[in-house]
């Protein structure tokens, strides 16, 4: 499971929880499940809607395995 928090100038905009394997299916260019053990370097590029105001955004994420142990 991945927990994601997106903030704009310190104001929470999006707080979401998603299943890792389901999320990866949406981006076939990223590694897919079953995931291998070890360090990863993953880059993701996405388009930001034009209506999003300029400013400082922060995205924080954490991941846990099926037993609730932190993996990222």
PDB file of N, CA and C in Angstrom:
ATOM      1  N   UNK A   1       0.840  -1.175   0.000  1.00  0.00           N
ATOM      2  CA  UNK A   1       0.000   0.000   0.000  1.00  0.00           C
ATOM      3  C   UNK A   1       0.884   1.238   0.000  1.00  0.00           C
ATOM      4  N   UNK A   2       0.486   2.250  -0.772  1.00  0.00           N
ATOM      5  CA  UNK A   2       1.198   3.519  -0.817  1.00  0.00           C
ATOM      6  C   UNK A   2       0.272   4.604  -0.272  1.00  0.00           C
ATOM      7  N   UNK A   3       0.798   5.394   0.661  1.00  0.00           N
ATOM      8  CA  UNK A   3       0.090   6.576   1.164  1.00  0.00           C
ATOM      9  C   UNK A   3       0.765   7.795   0.559  1.00  0.00           C
ATOM     10  N   UNK A   4      -0.032   8.675  -0.052  1.00  0.00           N
ATOM     11  CA  UNK A   4       0.497   9.853  -0.733  1.00  0.00           C
ATOM     12  C   UNK A   4      -0.169  11.102  -0.173  1.00  0.00           C
ATOM     13  N   UNK A   5       0.642  12.141   0.048  1.00  0.00           N
ATOM     14  CA  UNK A   5       0.133  13.438   0.482  1.00  0.00           C
ATOM     15  C   UNK A   5       0.726  14.508  -0.425  1.00  0.00           C
ATOM     16  N   UNK A   6      -0.141  15.272  -1.087  1.00  0.00           N
ATOM     17  CA  UNK A   6       0.287  16.383  -1.945  1.00  0.00           C
ATOM     18  C   UNK A   6      -0.118  17.675  -1.246  1.00  0.00           C
ATOM     19  N   UNK A   7       0.867  18.582  -1.109  1.00  0.00           N
ATOM     20  CA  UNK A   7       0.598  19.867  -0.466  1.00  0.00           C
ATOM     21  C   UNK A   7       0.988  21.004  -1.404  1.00  0.00           C
ATOM     22  N   UNK A   8       0.246  22.102  -1.318  1.00  0.00           N
ATOM     23  CA  UNK A   8       0.515  23.315  -2.083  1.00  0.00           C
ATOM     24  C   UNK A   8       0.763  24.422  -1.080  1.00  0.00           C
ATOM     25  N   UNK A   9       1.986  24.967  -1.091  1.00  0.00           N
ATOM     26  CA  UNK A   9       2.361  25.997  -0.118  1.00  0.00           C
ATOM     27  C   UNK A   9       2.014  25.575   1.312  1.00  0.00           C
ATOM     28  N   UNK A  10       2.203  24.299   1.620  1.00  0.00           N
ATOM     29  CA  UNK A  10       1.941  23.781   2.956  1.00  0.00           C
ATOM     30  C   UNK A  10       0.506  23.402   3.235  1.00  0.00           C
ATOM     31  N   UNK A  11      -0.388  23.613   2.264  1.00  0.00           N
ATOM     32  CA  UNK A  11      -1.807  23.283   2.432  1.00  0.00           C
ATOM     33  C   UNK A  11      -2.071  21.919   1.801  1.00  0.00           C
ATOM     34  N   UNK A  12      -2.581  20.938   2.574  1.00  0.00           N
ATOM     35  CA  UNK A  12      -2.868  19.625   1.997  1.00  0.00           C
ATOM     36  C   UNK A  12      -3.929  19.720   0.900  1.00  0.00           C
ATOM     37  N   UNK A  13      -3.603  19.165  -0.272  1.00  0.00           N
ATOM     38  CA  UNK A  13      -4.555  19.142  -1.392  1.00  0.00           C
ATOM     39  C   UNK A  13      -5.116  17.750  -1.620  1.00  0.00           C
ATOM     40  N   UNK A  14      -4.236  16.759  -1.591  1.00  0.00           N
ATOM     41  CA  UNK A  14      -4.629  15.389  -1.885  1.00  0.00           C
ATOM     42  C   UNK A  14      -4.009  14.471  -0.846  1.00  0.00           C
ATOM     43  N   UNK A  15      -4.827  13.628  -0.264  1.00  0.00           N
ATOM     44  CA  UNK A  15      -4.343  12.568   0.611  1.00  0.00           C
ATOM     45  C   UNK A  15      -4.977  11.297   0.090  1.00  0.00           C
ATOM     46  N   UNK A  16      -4.142  10.349  -0.336  1.00  0.00           N
ATOM     47  CA  UNK A  16      -4.661   9.166  -1.006  1.00  0.00           C
ATOM     48  C   UNK A  16      -3.929   7.927  -0.527  1.00  0.00           C
ATOM     49  N   UNK A  17      -4.601   6.814  -0.597  1.00  0.00           N
ATOM     50  CA  UNK A  17      -4.023   5.510  -0.284  1.00  0.00           C
ATOM     51  C   UNK A  17      -4.355   4.602  -1.458  1.00  0.00           C
ATOM     52  N   UNK A  18      -3.343   3.896  -1.973  1.00  0.00           N
ATOM     53  CA  UNK A  18      -3.592   3.025  -3.120  1.00  0.00           C
ATOM     54  C   UNK A  18      -2.760   1.758  -3.008  1.00  0.00           C
ATOM     55  N   UNK A  19      -3.210   0.731  -3.671  1.00  0.00           N
ATOM     56  CA  UNK A  19      -2.464  -0.521  -3.731  1.00  0.00           C
ATOM     57  C   UNK A  19      -1.344  -0.369  -4.754  1.00  0.00           C
ATOM     58  N   UNK A  20      -0.128  -0.723  -4.359  1.00  0.00           N
ATOM     59  CA  UNK A  20       1.048  -0.529  -5.215  1.00  0.00           C
ATOM     60  C   UNK A  20       0.879  -1.223  -6.564  1.00  0.00           C
ATOM     61  N   UNK A  21       0.527  -2.501  -6.542  1.00  0.00           N
ATOM     62  CA  UNK A  21       0.454  -3.253  -7.805  1.00  0.00           C
ATOM     63  C   UNK A  21      -0.618  -2.697  -8.737  1.00  0.00           C
ATOM     64  N   UNK A  22      -1.741  -2.253  -8.176  1.00  0.00           N
ATOM     65  CA  UNK A  22      -2.793  -1.658  -9.007  1.00  0.00           C
ATOM     66  C   UNK A  22      -2.328  -0.329  -9.602  1.00  0.00           C
ATOM     67  N   UNK A  23      -1.626   0.467  -8.813  1.00  0.00           N
ATOM     68  CA  UNK A  23      -1.114   1.751  -9.306  1.00  0.00           C
ATOM     69  C   UNK A  23      -0.078   1.541 -10.410  1.00  0.00           C
ATOM     70  N   UNK A  24       0.791   0.553 -10.249  1.00  0.00           N
ATOM     71  CA  UNK A  24       1.819   0.291 -11.265  1.00  0.00           C
ATOM     72  C   UNK A  24       1.219  -0.157 -12.587  1.00  0.00           C
ATOM     73  N   UNK A  25       0.085  -0.837 -12.544  1.00  0.00           N
ATOM     74  CA  UNK A  25      -0.582  -1.273 -13.781  1.00  0.00           C
ATOM     75  C   UNK A  25      -0.964  -0.088 -14.655  1.00  0.00           C
ATOM     76  N   UNK A  26      -1.175   1.081 -14.041  1.00  0.00           N
ATOM     77  CA  UNK A  26      -1.562   2.277 -14.788  1.00  0.00           C
ATOM     78  C   UNK A  26      -0.392   2.861 -15.573  1.00  0.00           C
ATOM     79  N   UNK A  27       0.832   2.490 -15.209  1.00  0.00           N
ATOM     80  CA  UNK A  27       2.039   2.990 -15.879  1.00  0.00           C
ATOM     81  C   UNK A  27       2.919   1.814 -16.270  1.00  0.00           C
ATOM     82  N   UNK A  28       2.659   1.211 -17.430  1.00  0.00           N
ATOM     83  CA  UNK A  28       3.399   0.010 -17.817  1.00  0.00           C
ATOM     84  C   UNK A  28       4.900   0.218 -18.013  1.00  0.00           C
ATOM     85  N   UNK A  29       5.367   1.456 -18.080  1.00  0.00           N
ATOM     86  CA  UNK A  29       6.803   1.698 -18.221  1.00  0.00           C
ATOM     87  C   UNK A  29       7.539   1.546 -16.893  1.00  0.00           C
ATOM     88  N   UNK A  30       6.808   1.515 -15.773  1.00  0.00           N
ATOM     89  CA  UNK A  30       7.406   1.342 -14.453  1.00  0.00           C
ATOM     90  C   UNK A  30       7.517  -0.146 -14.129  1.00  0.00           C
ATOM     91  N   UNK A  31       8.373  -0.520 -13.166  1.00  0.00           N
ATOM     92  CA  UNK A  31       8.449  -1.932 -12.752  1.00  0.00           C
ATOM     93  C   UNK A  31       7.073  -2.439 -12.336  1.00  0.00           C
ATOM     94  N   UNK A  32       6.822  -3.717 -12.586  1.00  0.00           N
ATOM     95  CA  UNK A  32       5.529  -4.319 -12.287  1.00  0.00           C
ATOM     96  C   UNK A  32       5.663  -5.394 -11.209  1.00  0.00           C
ATOM     97  N   UNK A  33       4.555  -5.771 -10.626  1.00  0.00           N
ATOM     98  CA  UNK A  33       4.533  -6.819  -9.597  1.00  0.00           C
ATOM     99  C   UNK A  33       4.649  -8.188 -10.246  1.00  0.00           C
ATOM    100  N   UNK A  34       5.275  -9.138  -9.564  1.00  0.00           N
ATOM    101  CA  UNK A  34       5.845  -9.052  -8.228  1.00  0.00           C
ATOM    102  C   UNK A  34       7.133  -8.223  -8.249  1.00  0.00           C
ATOM    103  N   UNK A  35       7.284  -7.372  -7.257  1.00  0.00           N
ATOM    104  CA  UNK A  35       8.428  -6.478  -7.187  1.00  0.00           C
ATOM    105  C   UNK A  35       9.649  -7.216  -6.651  1.00  0.00           C
ATOM    106  N   UNK A  36      10.806  -6.846  -7.166  1.00  0.00           N
ATOM    107  CA  UNK A  36      12.045  -7.458  -6.710  1.00  0.00           C
ATOM    108  C   UNK A  36      12.612  -6.687  -5.534  1.00  0.00           C
ATOM    109  N   UNK A  37      13.333  -7.368  -4.679  1.00  0.00           N
ATOM    110  CA  UNK A  37      13.957  -6.744  -3.527  1.00  0.00           C
ATOM    111  C   UNK A  37      15.166  -5.940  -3.992  1.00  0.00           C
ATOM    112  N   UNK A  38      15.423  -4.836  -3.316  1.00  0.00           N
ATOM    113  CA  UNK A  38      16.598  -4.038  -3.636  1.00  0.00           C
ATOM    114  C   UNK A  38      16.236  -2.608  -3.928  1.00  0.00           C
ATOM    115  N   UNK A  39      17.237  -1.764  -4.100  1.00  0.00           N
ATOM    116  CA  UNK A  39      16.975  -0.348  -4.387  1.00  0.00           C
ATOM    117  C   UNK A  39      16.457  -0.154  -5.810  1.00  0.00           C
ATOM    118  N   UNK A  40      15.627   0.851  -5.974  1.00  0.00           N
ATOM    119  CA  UNK A  40      15.081   1.231  -7.278  1.00  0.00           C
ATOM    120  C   UNK A  40      15.353   2.698  -7.514  1.00  0.00           C
ATOM    121  N   UNK A  41      15.429   3.059  -8.758  1.00  0.00           N
ATOM    122  CA  UNK A  41      15.462   4.457  -9.159  1.00  0.00           C
ATOM    123  C   UNK A  41      14.385   4.615 -10.219  1.00  0.00           C
ATOM    124  N   UNK A  42      13.275   5.204  -9.848  1.00  0.00           N
ATOM    125  CA  UNK A  42      12.123   5.321 -10.742  1.00  0.00           C
ATOM    126  C   UNK A  42      11.851   6.789 -11.003  1.00  0.00           C
ATOM    127  N   UNK A  43      11.705   7.126 -12.272  1.00  0.00           N
ATOM    128  CA  UNK A  43      11.344   8.478 -12.670  1.00  0.00           C
ATOM    129  C   UNK A  43       9.958   8.443 -13.298  1.00  0.00           C
ATOM    130  N   UNK A  44       9.125   9.374 -12.906  1.00  0.00           N
ATOM    131  CA  UNK A  44       7.784   9.471 -13.475  1.00  0.00           C
ATOM    132  C   UNK A  44       7.548  10.894 -13.933  1.00  0.00           C
ATOM    133  N   UNK A  45       7.100  11.042 -15.162  1.00  0.00           N
ATOM    134  CA  UNK A  45       6.757  12.357 -15.685  1.00  0.00           C
ATOM    135  C   UNK A  45       5.277  12.370 -16.011  1.00  0.00           C
ATOM    136  N   UNK A  46       4.615  13.426 -15.598  1.00  0.00           N
ATOM    137  CA  UNK A  46       3.200  13.571 -15.877  1.00  0.00           C
ATOM    138  C   UNK A  46       2.879  15.006 -16.235  1.00  0.00           C
ATOM    139  N   UNK A  47       1.764  15.193 -16.900  1.00  0.00           N
ATOM    140  CA  UNK A  47       1.339  16.539 -17.273  1.00  0.00           C
ATOM    141  C   UNK A  47       0.511  17.143 -16.151  1.00  0.00           C
ATOM    142  N   UNK A  48       0.784  18.390 -15.864  1.00  0.00           N
ATOM    143  CA  UNK A  48       0.039  19.126 -14.850  1.00  0.00           C
ATOM    144  C   UNK A  48      -0.981  20.004 -15.569  1.00  0.00           C
ATOM    145  N   UNK A  49      -2.251  19.943 -15.148  1.00  0.00           N
ATOM    146  CA  UNK A  49      -3.281  20.766 -15.803  1.00  0.00           C
ATOM    147  C   UNK A  49      -2.917  22.252 -15.760  1.00  0.00           C
ATOM    148  N   UNK A  50      -3.297  22.988 -16.795  1.00  0.00           N
ATOM    149  CA  UNK A  50      -2.981  24.414 -16.887  1.00  0.00           C
ATOM    150  C   UNK A  50      -3.632  25.233 -15.776  1.00  0.00           C
ATOM    151  N   UNK A  51      -4.705  24.739 -15.200  1.00  0.00           N
ATOM    152  CA  UNK A  51      -5.411  25.483 -14.157  1.00  0.00           C
ATOM    153  C   UNK A  51      -4.710  25.425 -12.798  1.00  0.00           C
ATOM    154  N   UNK A  52      -3.696  24.604 -12.678  1.00  0.00           N
ATOM    155  CA  UNK A  52      -2.956  24.501 -11.412  1.00  0.00           C
ATOM    156  C   UNK A  52      -2.105  25.756 -11.252  1.00  0.00           C
ATOM    157  N   UNK A  53      -2.263  26.471 -10.134  1.00  0.00           N
ATOM    158  CA  UNK A  53      -1.490  27.705  -9.950  1.00  0.00           C
ATOM    159  C   UNK A  53      -0.014  27.404  -9.695  1.00  0.00           C
ATOM    160  N   UNK A  54       0.867  28.326 -10.103  1.00  0.00           N
ATOM    161  CA  UNK A  54       2.282  28.142  -9.803  1.00  0.00           C
ATOM    162  C   UNK A  54       2.515  28.292  -8.303  1.00  0.00           C
ATOM    163  N   UNK A  55       3.504  27.627  -7.808  1.00  0.00           N
ATOM    164  CA  UNK A  55       3.816  27.706  -6.384  1.00  0.00           C
ATOM    165  C   UNK A  55       4.643  26.528  -5.958  1.00  0.00           C
ATOM    166  N   UNK A  56       4.851  26.420  -4.668  1.00  0.00           N
ATOM    167  CA  UNK A  56       5.655  25.341  -4.122  1.00  0.00           C
ATOM    168  C   UNK A  56       4.755  24.165  -3.759  1.00  0.00           C
ATOM    169  N   UNK A  57       5.007  23.039  -4.384  1.00  0.00           N
ATOM    170  CA  UNK A  57       4.272  21.808  -4.116  1.00  0.00           C
ATOM    171  C   UNK A  57       5.219  20.809  -3.472  1.00  0.00           C
ATOM    172  N   UNK A  58       4.688  19.990  -2.613  1.00  0.00           N
ATOM    173  CA  UNK A  58       5.481  18.882  -2.077  1.00  0.00           C
ATOM    174  C   UNK A  58       4.632  17.625  -2.139  1.00  0.00           C
ATOM    175  N   UNK A  59       5.295  16.520  -2.459  1.00  0.00           N
ATOM    176  CA  UNK A  59       4.636  15.230  -2.530  1.00  0.00           C
ATOM    177  C   UNK A  59       5.407  14.284  -1.624  1.00  0.00           C
ATOM    178  N   UNK A  60       4.722  13.712  -0.662  1.00  0.00           N
ATOM    179  CA  UNK A  60       5.325  12.755   0.250  1.00  0.00           C
ATOM    180  C   UNK A  60       4.606  11.431   0.106  1.00  0.00           C
ATOM    181  N   UNK A  61       5.377  10.370   0.078  1.00  0.00           N
ATOM    182  CA  UNK A  61       4.787   9.048  -0.033  1.00  0.00           C
ATOM    183  C   UNK A  61       5.499   8.050   0.851  1.00  0.00           C
ATOM    184  N   UNK A  62       4.770   7.066   1.303  1.00  0.00           N
ATOM    185  CA  UNK A  62       5.347   5.971   2.056  1.00  0.00           C
ATOM    186  C   UNK A  62       4.631   4.693   1.628  1.00  0.00           C
ATOM    187  N   UNK A  63       5.355   3.578   1.720  1.00  0.00           N
ATOM    188  CA  UNK A  63       4.786   2.308   1.277  1.00  0.00           C
ATOM    189  C   UNK A  63       4.984   1.245   2.353  1.00  0.00           C
ATOM    190  N   UNK A  64       3.995   0.356   2.460  1.00  0.00           N
ATOM    191  CA  UNK A  64       4.077  -0.770   3.378  1.00  0.00           C
ATOM    192  C   UNK A  64       3.776  -2.055   2.624  1.00  0.00           C
ATOM    193  N   UNK A  65       4.302  -3.178   3.148  1.00  0.00           N
ATOM    194  CA  UNK A  65       4.025  -4.467   2.512  1.00  0.00           C
ATOM    195  C   UNK A  65       2.693  -5.012   3.028  1.00  0.00           C
ATOM    196  N   UNK A  66       2.358  -6.227   2.607  1.00  0.00           N
ATOM    197  CA  UNK A  66       1.071  -6.819   2.977  1.00  0.00           C
ATOM    198  C   UNK A  66       0.946  -7.078   4.475  1.00  0.00           C
ATOM    199  N   UNK A  67       2.079  -7.060   5.208  1.00  0.00           N
ATOM    200  CA  UNK A  67       2.062  -7.244   6.653  1.00  0.00           C
ATOM    201  C   UNK A  67       2.094  -5.928   7.409  1.00  0.00           C
ATOM    202  N   UNK A  68       2.054  -4.794   6.686  1.00  0.00           N
ATOM    203  CA  UNK A  68       2.072  -3.483   7.317  1.00  0.00           C
ATOM    204  C   UNK A  68       3.452  -2.987   7.664  1.00  0.00           C
ATOM    205  N   UNK A  69       4.519  -3.701   7.234  1.00  0.00           N
ATOM    206  CA  UNK A  69       5.887  -3.260   7.503  1.00  0.00           C
ATOM    207  C   UNK A  69       6.307  -2.228   6.461  1.00  0.00           C
ATOM    208  N   UNK A  70       6.968  -1.143   6.884  1.00  0.00           N
ATOM    209  CA  UNK A  70       7.426  -0.124   5.927  1.00  0.00           C
ATOM    210  C   UNK A  70       8.434  -0.705   4.924  1.00  0.00           C
ATOM    211  N   UNK A  71       8.238  -0.362   3.649  1.00  0.00           N
ATOM    212  CA  UNK A  71       9.183  -0.793   2.610  1.00  0.00           C
ATOM    213  C   UNK A  71       9.772   0.402   1.874  1.00  0.00           C
ATOM    214  N   UNK A  72       9.212   1.590   2.089  1.00  0.00           N
ATOM    215  CA  UNK A  72       9.730   2.795   1.436  1.00  0.00           C
ATOM    216  C   UNK A  72       9.312   4.007   2.224  1.00  0.00           C
TER     217      UNK A  72
END
